[in-house]
Every structure is written in C-alpha cells, then in structure tokens.
Amino acid sequence: MDLDDQVEEIETKEDFANFLHAFRETLLRQPDEWENSTLERFLDAMEAWVNSMEGYVLNSGDADILRPSWKTFAKILSAASVYE
C-alpha cells in the first residue's frame, strides 16, 4: 500500500503511528524523491500547506481535513522535538 492509500485508511492512533513509520522509511530509502528532506524545509512546507488548506479543500472536496484536532498535532510536533 502506498502512503496516500495508507493515509486514507487511518482511523486509530496505531494506524497513525504505522503511517509515521512508513513515512519515515520512505525518507530513509528514497530521500531524492522528497522535495523537503531537511527538517527546516519540511516544517516550512508544512506551515505553507496549512495556510493554504482552504485551496486544497476547494480543489479536492475534502472538507474533513478542516476538522482535525490542531492541538493534538501541535502536541505531537512539540513532543517530537524533545522526546528521546
């Protein structure tokens, strides 16, 4: 299953953790296929995409994306910066 398909199947915390594992593995195995392979570039692109999400919704019809728990994602990113 490719990563896009895996995203569509995420329903649980475990599904999300499995996705993160596969996501990281793609970076390790195919770094040349990533546009943003450094943390700085990745976070910059993430910020830009979040700021442009309404355009994604208009183009894709995927309005569900506008209902995540932003606090949860912020906590995950913040914790990852110090978690050993």
PDB file of N, CA and C in Angstrom:
ATOM      1  N   MET A   1       0.853  -1.174   0.000  1.00  0.00           N
ATOM      2  CA  MET A   1       0.000   0.000   0.000  1.00  0.00           C
ATOM      3  C   MET A   1       0.897   1.234   0.000  1.00  0.00           C
ATOM      4  N   ASP A   2       0.603   2.182  -0.894  1.00  0.00           N
ATOM      5  CA  ASP A   2       1.424   3.396  -0.901  1.00  0.00           C
ATOM      6  C   ASP A   2       0.960   4.345   0.211  1.00  0.00           C
ATOM      7  N   LEU A   3       1.735   5.397   0.447  1.00  0.00           N
ATOM      8  CA  LEU A   3       1.457   6.293   1.575  1.00  0.00           C
ATOM      9  C   LEU A   3       0.115   6.996   1.439  1.00  0.00           C
ATOM     10  N   ASP A   4      -0.256   7.415   0.227  1.00  0.00           N
ATOM     11  CA  ASP A   4      -1.551   8.086   0.044  1.00  0.00           C
ATOM     12  C   ASP A   4      -2.696   7.161   0.419  1.00  0.00           C
ATOM     13  N   ASP A   5      -2.598   5.901   0.021  1.00  0.00           N
ATOM     14  CA  ASP A   5      -3.630   4.923   0.390  1.00  0.00           C
ATOM     15  C   ASP A   5      -3.642   4.702   1.896  1.00  0.00           C
ATOM     16  N   GLN A   6      -2.459   4.653   2.495  1.00  0.00           N
ATOM     17  CA  GLN A   6      -2.359   4.434   3.934  1.00  0.00           C
ATOM     18  C   GLN A   6      -3.000   5.589   4.707  1.00  0.00           C
ATOM     19  N   VAL A   7      -2.811   6.820   4.226  1.00  0.00           N
ATOM     20  CA  VAL A   7      -3.436   7.983   4.868  1.00  0.00           C
ATOM     21  C   VAL A   7      -4.950   7.805   4.918  1.00  0.00           C
ATOM     22  N   GLU A   8      -5.526   7.358   3.815  1.00  0.00           N
ATOM     23  CA  GLU A   8      -6.979   7.206   3.731  1.00  0.00           C
ATOM     24  C   GLU A   8      -7.512   6.135   4.674  1.00  0.00           C
ATOM     25  N   GLU A   9      -6.665   5.220   5.113  1.00  0.00           N
ATOM     26  CA  GLU A   9      -7.081   4.131   5.992  1.00  0.00           C
ATOM     27  C   GLU A   9      -6.895   4.442   7.480  1.00  0.00           C
ATOM     28  N   ILE A  10      -6.322   5.593   7.830  1.00  0.00           N
ATOM     29  CA  ILE A  10      -6.044   5.915   9.233  1.00  0.00           C
ATOM     30  C   ILE A  10      -7.330   6.188   9.991  1.00  0.00           C
ATOM     31  N   GLU A  11      -7.539   5.400  11.044  1.00  0.00           N
ATOM     32  CA  GLU A  11      -8.692   5.582  11.921  1.00  0.00           C
ATOM     33  C   GLU A  11      -8.304   5.569  13.398  1.00  0.00           C
ATOM     34  N   THR A  12      -7.153   5.008  13.715  1.00  0.00           N
ATOM     35  CA  THR A  12      -6.756   4.872  15.113  1.00  0.00           C
ATOM     36  C   THR A  12      -5.372   5.460  15.340  1.00  0.00           C
ATOM     37  N   LYS A  13      -5.023   5.580  16.604  1.00  0.00           N
ATOM     38  CA  LYS A  13      -3.676   6.031  16.977  1.00  0.00           C
ATOM     39  C   LYS A  13      -2.636   5.090  16.397  1.00  0.00           C
ATOM     40  N   GLU A  14      -2.910   3.798  16.441  1.00  0.00           N
ATOM     41  CA  GLU A  14      -1.972   2.807  15.915  1.00  0.00           C
ATOM     42  C   GLU A  14      -1.803   2.949  14.403  1.00  0.00           C
ATOM     43  N   ASP A  15      -2.907   3.221  13.704  1.00  0.00           N
ATOM     44  CA  ASP A  15      -2.833   3.460  12.256  1.00  0.00           C
ATOM     45  C   ASP A  15      -1.930   4.659  11.970  1.00  0.00           C
ATOM     46  N   PHE A  16      -2.092   5.726  12.769  1.00  0.00           N
ATOM     47  CA  PHE A  16      -1.280   6.929  12.586  1.00  0.00           C
ATOM     48  C   PHE A  16       0.188   6.623  12.861  1.00  0.00           C
ATOM     49  N   ALA A  17       0.467   5.872  13.926  1.00  0.00           N
ATOM     50  CA  ALA A  17       1.849   5.503  14.247  1.00  0.00           C
ATOM     51  C   ALA A  17       2.446   4.647  13.128  1.00  0.00           C
ATOM     52  N   ASN A  18       1.673   3.718  12.581  1.00  0.00           N
ATOM     53  CA  ASN A  18       2.158   2.899  11.460  1.00  0.00           C
ATOM     54  C   ASN A  18       2.442   3.753  10.237  1.00  0.00           C
ATOM     55  N   PHE A  19       1.586   4.738   9.999  1.00  0.00           N
ATOM     56  CA  PHE A  19       1.830   5.659   8.895  1.00  0.00           C
ATOM     57  C   PHE A  19       3.129   6.426   9.111  1.00  0.00           C
ATOM     58  N   LEU A  20       3.329   6.939  10.320  1.00  0.00           N
ATOM     59  CA  LEU A  20       4.566   7.681  10.600  1.00  0.00           C
ATOM     60  C   LEU A  20       5.791   6.818  10.357  1.00  0.00           C
ATOM     61  N   HIS A  21       5.721   5.552  10.733  1.00  0.00           N
ATOM     62  CA  HIS A  21       6.840   4.641  10.490  1.00  0.00           C
ATOM     63  C   HIS A  21       7.108   4.506   8.991  1.00  0.00           C
ATOM     64  N   ALA A  22       6.065   4.263   8.219  1.00  0.00           N
ATOM     65  CA  ALA A  22       6.216   4.116   6.765  1.00  0.00           C
ATOM     66  C   ALA A  22       6.689   5.426   6.137  1.00  0.00           C
ATOM     67  N   PHE A  23       6.187   6.540   6.629  1.00  0.00           N
ATOM     68  CA  PHE A  23       6.554   7.865   6.133  1.00  0.00           C
ATOM     69  C   PHE A  23       8.054   8.112   6.318  1.00  0.00           C
ATOM     70  N   ARG A  24       8.543   7.823   7.531  1.00  0.00           N
ATOM     71  CA  ARG A  24       9.974   7.982   7.823  1.00  0.00           C
ATOM     72  C   ARG A  24      10.811   7.036   6.973  1.00  0.00           C
ATOM     73  N   GLU A  25      10.343   5.806   6.808  1.00  0.00           N
ATOM     74  CA  GLU A  25      11.076   4.829   5.998  1.00  0.00           C
ATOM     75  C   GLU A  25      11.221   5.292   4.550  1.00  0.00           C
ATOM     76  N   THR A  26      10.203   5.943   4.014  1.00  0.00           N
ATOM     77  CA  THR A  26      10.327   6.435   2.632  1.00  0.00           C
ATOM     78  C   THR A  26      11.409   7.501   2.541  1.00  0.00           C
ATOM     79  N   LEU A  27      11.523   8.330   3.568  1.00  0.00           N
ATOM     80  CA  LEU A  27      12.596   9.340   3.574  1.00  0.00           C
ATOM     81  C   LEU A  27      13.960   8.673   3.632  1.00  0.00           C
ATOM     82  N   LEU A  28      14.092   7.650   4.455  1.00  0.00           N
ATOM     83  CA  LEU A  28      15.375   6.968   4.584  1.00  0.00           C
ATOM     84  C   LEU A  28      15.762   6.218   3.305  1.00  0.00           C
ATOM     85  N   ARG A  29      14.783   5.588   2.656  1.00  0.00           N
ATOM     86  CA  ARG A  29      15.061   4.790   1.461  1.00  0.00           C
ATOM     87  C   ARG A  29      15.105   5.610   0.177  1.00  0.00           C
ATOM     88  N   GLN A  30      14.353   6.719   0.119  1.00  0.00           N
ATOM     89  CA  GLN A  30      14.236   7.485  -1.121  1.00  0.00           C
ATOM     90  C   GLN A  30      14.327   8.993  -0.867  1.00  0.00           C
ATOM     91  N   PRO A  31      15.394   9.458  -0.263  1.00  0.00           N
ATOM     92  CA  PRO A  31      15.467  10.888   0.070  1.00  0.00           C
ATOM     93  C   PRO A  31      15.417  11.800  -1.153  1.00  0.00           C
ATOM     94  N   ASP A  32      15.859  11.310  -2.298  1.00  0.00           N
ATOM     95  CA  ASP A  32      15.839  12.140  -3.506  1.00  0.00           C
ATOM     96  C   ASP A  32      14.427  12.391  -4.021  1.00  0.00           C
ATOM     97  N   GLU A  33      13.471  11.593  -3.569  1.00  0.00           N
ATOM     98  CA  GLU A  33      12.091  11.773  -4.002  1.00  0.00           C
ATOM     99  C   GLU A  33      11.334  12.775  -3.127  1.00  0.00           C
ATOM    100  N   TRP A  34      11.970  13.231  -2.054  1.00  0.00           N
ATOM    101  CA  TRP A  34      11.347  14.214  -1.170  1.00  0.00           C
ATOM    102  C   TRP A  34      11.780  15.608  -1.598  1.00  0.00           C
ATOM    103  N   GLU A  35      10.837  16.481  -1.783  1.00  0.00           N
ATOM    104  CA  GLU A  35      11.137  17.880  -2.085  1.00  0.00           C
ATOM    105  C   GLU A  35      11.750  18.562  -0.861  1.00  0.00           C
ATOM    106  N   ASN A  36      11.303  18.174   0.320  1.00  0.00           N
ATOM    107  CA  ASN A  36      11.705  18.834   1.570  1.00  0.00           C
ATOM    108  C   ASN A  36      12.301  17.814   2.526  1.00  0.00           C
ATOM    109  N   SER A  37      13.535  17.450   2.274  1.00  0.00           N
ATOM    110  CA  SER A  37      14.153  16.368   3.038  1.00  0.00           C
ATOM    111  C   SER A  37      14.919  16.832   4.277  1.00  0.00           C
ATOM    112  N   THR A  38      14.964  18.134   4.529  1.00  0.00           N
ATOM    113  CA  THR A  38      15.552  18.606   5.791  1.00  0.00           C
ATOM    114  C   THR A  38      14.412  19.051   6.697  1.00  0.00           C
ATOM    115  N   LEU A  39      14.648  19.044   7.984  1.00  0.00           N
ATOM    116  CA  LEU A  39      13.606  19.445   8.926  1.00  0.00           C
ATOM    117  C   LEU A  39      13.150  20.875   8.662  1.00  0.00           C
ATOM    118  N   GLU A  40      14.089  21.771   8.427  1.00  0.00           N
ATOM    119  CA  GLU A  40      13.726  23.174   8.184  1.00  0.00           C
ATOM    120  C   GLU A  40      12.808  23.308   6.968  1.00  0.00           C
ATOM    121  N   ARG A  41      13.174  22.666   5.878  1.00  0.00           N
ATOM    122  CA  ARG A  41      12.354  22.749   4.665  1.00  0.00           C
ATOM    123  C   ARG A  41      11.014  22.050   4.861  1.00  0.00           C
ATOM    124  N   PHE A  42      11.018  20.929   5.569  1.00  0.00           N
ATOM    125  CA  PHE A  42       9.788  20.190   5.817  1.00  0.00           C
ATOM    126  C   PHE A  42       8.809  21.026   6.639  1.00  0.00           C
ATOM    127  N   LEU A  43       9.291  21.624   7.727  1.00  0.00           N
ATOM    128  CA  LEU A  43       8.420  22.443   8.574  1.00  0.00           C
ATOM    129  C   LEU A  43       7.937  23.688   7.837  1.00  0.00           C
ATOM    130  N   ASP A  44       8.782  24.275   7.003  1.00  0.00           N
ATOM    131  CA  ASP A  44       8.378  25.427   6.203  1.00  0.00           C
ATOM    132  C   ASP A  44       7.251  25.033   5.236  1.00  0.00           C
ATOM    133  N   ALA A  45       7.398  23.889   4.579  1.00  0.00           N
ATOM    134  CA  ALA A  45       6.373  23.422   3.658  1.00  0.00           C
ATOM    135  C   ALA A  45       5.084  23.069   4.406  1.00  0.00           C
ATOM    136  N   MET A  46       5.228  22.489   5.602  1.00  0.00           N
ATOM    137  CA  MET A  46       4.051  22.147   6.399  1.00  0.00           C
ATOM    138  C   MET A  46       3.276  23.409   6.751  1.00  0.00           C
ATOM    139  N   GLU A  47       3.996  24.435   7.181  1.00  0.00           N
ATOM    140  CA  GLU A  47       3.350  25.704   7.527  1.00  0.00           C
ATOM    141  C   GLU A  47       2.635  26.292   6.309  1.00  0.00           C
ATOM    142  N   ALA A  48       3.298  26.290   5.165  1.00  0.00           N
ATOM    143  CA  ALA A  48       2.704  26.839   3.943  1.00  0.00           C
ATOM    144  C   ALA A  48       1.456  26.055   3.536  1.00  0.00           C
ATOM    145  N   TRP A  49       1.511  24.731   3.647  1.00  0.00           N
ATOM    146  CA  TRP A  49       0.366  23.915   3.262  1.00  0.00           C
ATOM    147  C   TRP A  49      -0.818  24.160   4.191  1.00  0.00           C
ATOM    148  N   VAL A  50      -0.558  24.243   5.497  1.00  0.00           N
ATOM    149  CA  VAL A  50      -1.637  24.517   6.454  1.00  0.00           C
ATOM    150  C   VAL A  50      -2.284  25.860   6.141  1.00  0.00           C
ATOM    151  N   ASN A  51      -1.477  26.841   5.795  1.00  0.00           N
ATOM    152  CA  ASN A  51      -2.015  28.156   5.448  1.00  0.00           C
ATOM    153  C   ASN A  51      -2.796  28.153   4.141  1.00  0.00           C
ATOM    154  N   SER A  52      -2.621  27.129   3.318  1.00  0.00           N
ATOM    155  CA  SER A  52      -3.301  27.036   2.019  1.00  0.00           C
ATOM    156  C   SER A  52      -4.359  25.930   1.975  1.00  0.00           C
ATOM    157  N   MET A  53      -4.720  25.386   3.108  1.00  0.00           N
ATOM    158  CA  MET A  53      -5.626  24.235   3.131  1.00  0.00           C
ATOM    159  C   MET A  53      -6.983  24.509   2.487  1.00  0.00           C
ATOM    160  N   GLU A  54      -7.482  25.719   2.601  1.00  0.00           N
ATOM    161  CA  GLU A  54      -8.786  26.017   2.011  1.00  0.00           C
ATOM    162  C   GLU A  54      -8.757  25.803   0.505  1.00  0.00           C
ATOM    163  N   GLY A  55      -7.641  26.130  -0.146  1.00  0.00           N
ATOM    164  CA  GLY A  55      -7.495  25.878  -1.577  1.00  0.00           C
ATOM    165  C   GLY A  55      -7.519  24.392  -1.883  1.00  0.00           C
ATOM    166  N   TYR A  56      -6.876  23.603  -1.038  1.00  0.00           N
ATOM    167  CA  TYR A  56      -6.902  22.148  -1.196  1.00  0.00           C
ATOM    168  C   TYR A  56      -8.336  21.642  -1.106  1.00  0.00           C
ATOM    169  N   VAL A  57      -9.093  22.161  -0.143  1.00  0.00           N
ATOM    170  CA  VAL A  57     -10.484  21.742   0.038  1.00  0.00           C
ATOM    171  C   VAL A  57     -11.303  22.103  -1.206  1.00  0.00           C
ATOM    172  N   LEU A  58     -11.109  23.305  -1.726  1.00  0.00           N
ATOM    173  CA  LEU A  58     -11.841  23.718  -2.929  1.00  0.00           C
ATOM    174  C   LEU A  58     -11.520  22.814  -4.116  1.00  0.00           C
ATOM    175  N   ASN A  59     -10.270  22.423  -4.258  1.00  0.00           N
ATOM    176  CA  ASN A  59      -9.848  21.595  -5.395  1.00  0.00           C
ATOM    177  C   ASN A  59     -10.192  20.122  -5.224  1.00  0.00           C
ATOM    178  N   SER A  60     -10.199  19.642  -3.985  1.00  0.00           N
ATOM    179  CA  SER A  60     -10.381  18.203  -3.758  1.00  0.00           C
ATOM    180  C   SER A  60     -11.764  17.834  -3.223  1.00  0.00           C
ATOM    181  N   GLY A  61     -12.425  18.788  -2.597  1.00  0.00           N
ATOM    182  CA  GLY A  61     -13.699  18.493  -1.958  1.00  0.00           C
ATOM    183  C   GLY A  61     -13.547  17.814  -0.613  1.00  0.00           C
ATOM    184  N   ASP A  62     -12.337  17.697  -0.117  1.00  0.00           N
ATOM    185  CA  ASP A  62     -12.037  17.001   1.136  1.00  0.00           C
ATOM    186  C   ASP A  62     -12.185  17.958   2.321  1.00  0.00           C
ATOM    187  N   ALA A  63     -13.428  18.307   2.667  1.00  0.00           N
ATOM    188  CA  ALA A  63     -13.676  19.253   3.763  1.00  0.00           C
ATOM    189  C   ALA A  63     -13.372  18.654   5.130  1.00  0.00           C
ATOM    190  N   ASP A  64     -13.301  17.323   5.235  1.00  0.00           N
ATOM    191  CA  ASP A  64     -12.994  16.684   6.518  1.00  0.00           C
ATOM    192  C   ASP A  64     -11.651  17.137   7.070  1.00  0.00           C
ATOM    193  N   ILE A  65     -10.763  17.540   6.195  1.00  0.00           N
ATOM    194  CA  ILE A  65      -9.423  17.935   6.625  1.00  0.00           C
ATOM    195  C   ILE A  65      -9.451  19.176   7.520  1.00  0.00           C
ATOM    196  N   LEU A  66     -10.524  19.933   7.466  1.00  0.00           N
ATOM    197  CA  LEU A  66     -10.620  21.146   8.269  1.00  0.00           C
ATOM    198  C   LEU A  66     -11.133  20.889   9.688  1.00  0.00           C
ATOM    199  N   ARG A  67     -11.339  19.604  10.060  1.00  0.00           N
ATOM    200  CA  ARG A  67     -11.856  19.277  11.388  1.00  0.00           C
ATOM    201  C   ARG A  67     -10.909  18.446  12.260  1.00  0.00           C
ATOM    202  N   PRO A  68      -9.617  18.517  12.073  1.00  0.00           N
ATOM    203  CA  PRO A  68      -8.727  17.749  12.954  1.00  0.00           C
ATOM    204  C   PRO A  68      -8.564  18.459  14.292  1.00  0.00           C
ATOM    205  N   SER A  69      -7.934  17.772  15.228  1.00  0.00           N
ATOM    206  CA  SER A  69      -7.582  18.417  16.483  1.00  0.00           C
ATOM    207  C   SER A  69      -6.209  19.057  16.295  1.00  0.00           C
ATOM    208  N   TRP A  70      -6.200  20.335  16.053  1.00  0.00           N
ATOM    209  CA  TRP A  70      -4.936  21.039  15.833  1.00  0.00           C
ATOM    210  C   TRP A  70      -4.056  20.958  17.067  1.00  0.00           C
ATOM    211  N   LYS A  71      -4.667  20.977  18.240  1.00  0.00           N
ATOM    212  CA  LYS A  71      -3.895  20.889  19.472  1.00  0.00           C
ATOM    213  C   LYS A  71      -3.135  19.564  19.530  1.00  0.00           C
ATOM    214  N   THR A  72      -3.776  18.480  19.094  1.00  0.00           N
ATOM    215  CA  THR A  72      -3.121  17.172  19.098  1.00  0.00           C
ATOM    216  C   THR A  72      -1.902  17.174  18.193  1.00  0.00           C
ATOM    217  N   PHE A  73      -2.045  17.688  16.977  1.00  0.00           N
ATOM    218  CA  PHE A  73      -0.909  17.732  16.061  1.00  0.00           C
ATOM    219  C   PHE A  73       0.208  18.618  16.604  1.00  0.00           C
ATOM    220  N   ALA A  74      -0.142  19.734  17.231  1.00  0.00           N
ATOM    221  CA  ALA A  74       0.870  20.616  17.825  1.00  0.00           C
ATOM    222  C   ALA A  74       1.597  19.902  18.961  1.00  0.00           C
ATOM    223  N   LYS A  75       0.854  19.162  19.767  1.00  0.00           N
ATOM    224  CA  LYS A  75       1.481  18.422  20.867  1.00  0.00           C
ATOM    225  C   LYS A  75       2.413  17.341  20.333  1.00  0.00           C
ATOM    226  N   ILE A  76       2.001  16.657  19.268  1.00  0.00           N
ATOM    227  CA  ILE A  76       2.851  15.633  18.661  1.00  0.00           C
ATOM    228  C   ILE A  76       4.156  16.255  18.164  1.00  0.00           C
ATOM    229  N   LEU A  77       4.061  17.348  17.428  1.00  0.00           N
ATOM    230  CA  LEU A  77       5.264  18.001  16.898  1.00  0.00           C
ATOM    231  C   LEU A  77       6.143  18.542  18.023  1.00  0.00           C
ATOM    232  N   SER A  78       5.512  19.157  19.011  1.00  0.00           N
ATOM    233  CA  SER A  78       6.277  19.711  20.132  1.00  0.00           C
ATOM    234  C   SER A  78       6.981  18.609  20.912  1.00  0.00           C
ATOM    235  N   ALA A  79       6.273  17.531  21.187  1.00  0.00           N
ATOM    236  CA  ALA A  79       6.867  16.423  21.922  1.00  0.00           C
ATOM    237  C   ALA A  79       8.011  15.782  21.133  1.00  0.00           C
ATOM    238  N   ALA A  80       7.848  15.697  19.828  1.00  0.00           N
ATOM    239  CA  ALA A  80       8.885  15.078  18.996  1.00  0.00           C
ATOM    240  C   ALA A  80      10.185  15.876  19.013  1.00  0.00           C
ATOM    241  N   SER A  81      10.094  17.155  19.349  1.00  0.00           N
ATOM    242  CA  SER A  81      11.318  17.965  19.384  1.00  0.00           C
ATOM    243  C   SER A  81      12.177  17.670  20.603  1.00  0.00           C
ATOM    244  N   VAL A  82      11.606  17.012  21.638  1.00  0.00           N
ATOM    245  CA  VAL A  82      12.383  16.725  22.851  1.00  0.00           C
ATOM    246  C   VAL A  82      12.340  15.260  23.265  1.00  0.00           C
ATOM    247  N   TYR A  83      11.465  14.469  22.682  1.00  0.00           N
ATOM    248  CA  TYR A  83      11.285  13.068  23.070  1.00  0.00           C
ATOM    249  C   TYR A  83      12.488  12.227  22.658  1.00  0.00           C
ATOM    250  N   GLU A  84      12.952  11.391  23.550  1.00  0.00           N
ATOM    251  CA  GLU A  84      14.127  10.547  23.248  1.00  0.00           C
ATOM    252  C   GLU A  84      13.722   9.173  22.829  1.00  0.00           C
TER     253      GLU A  84
END
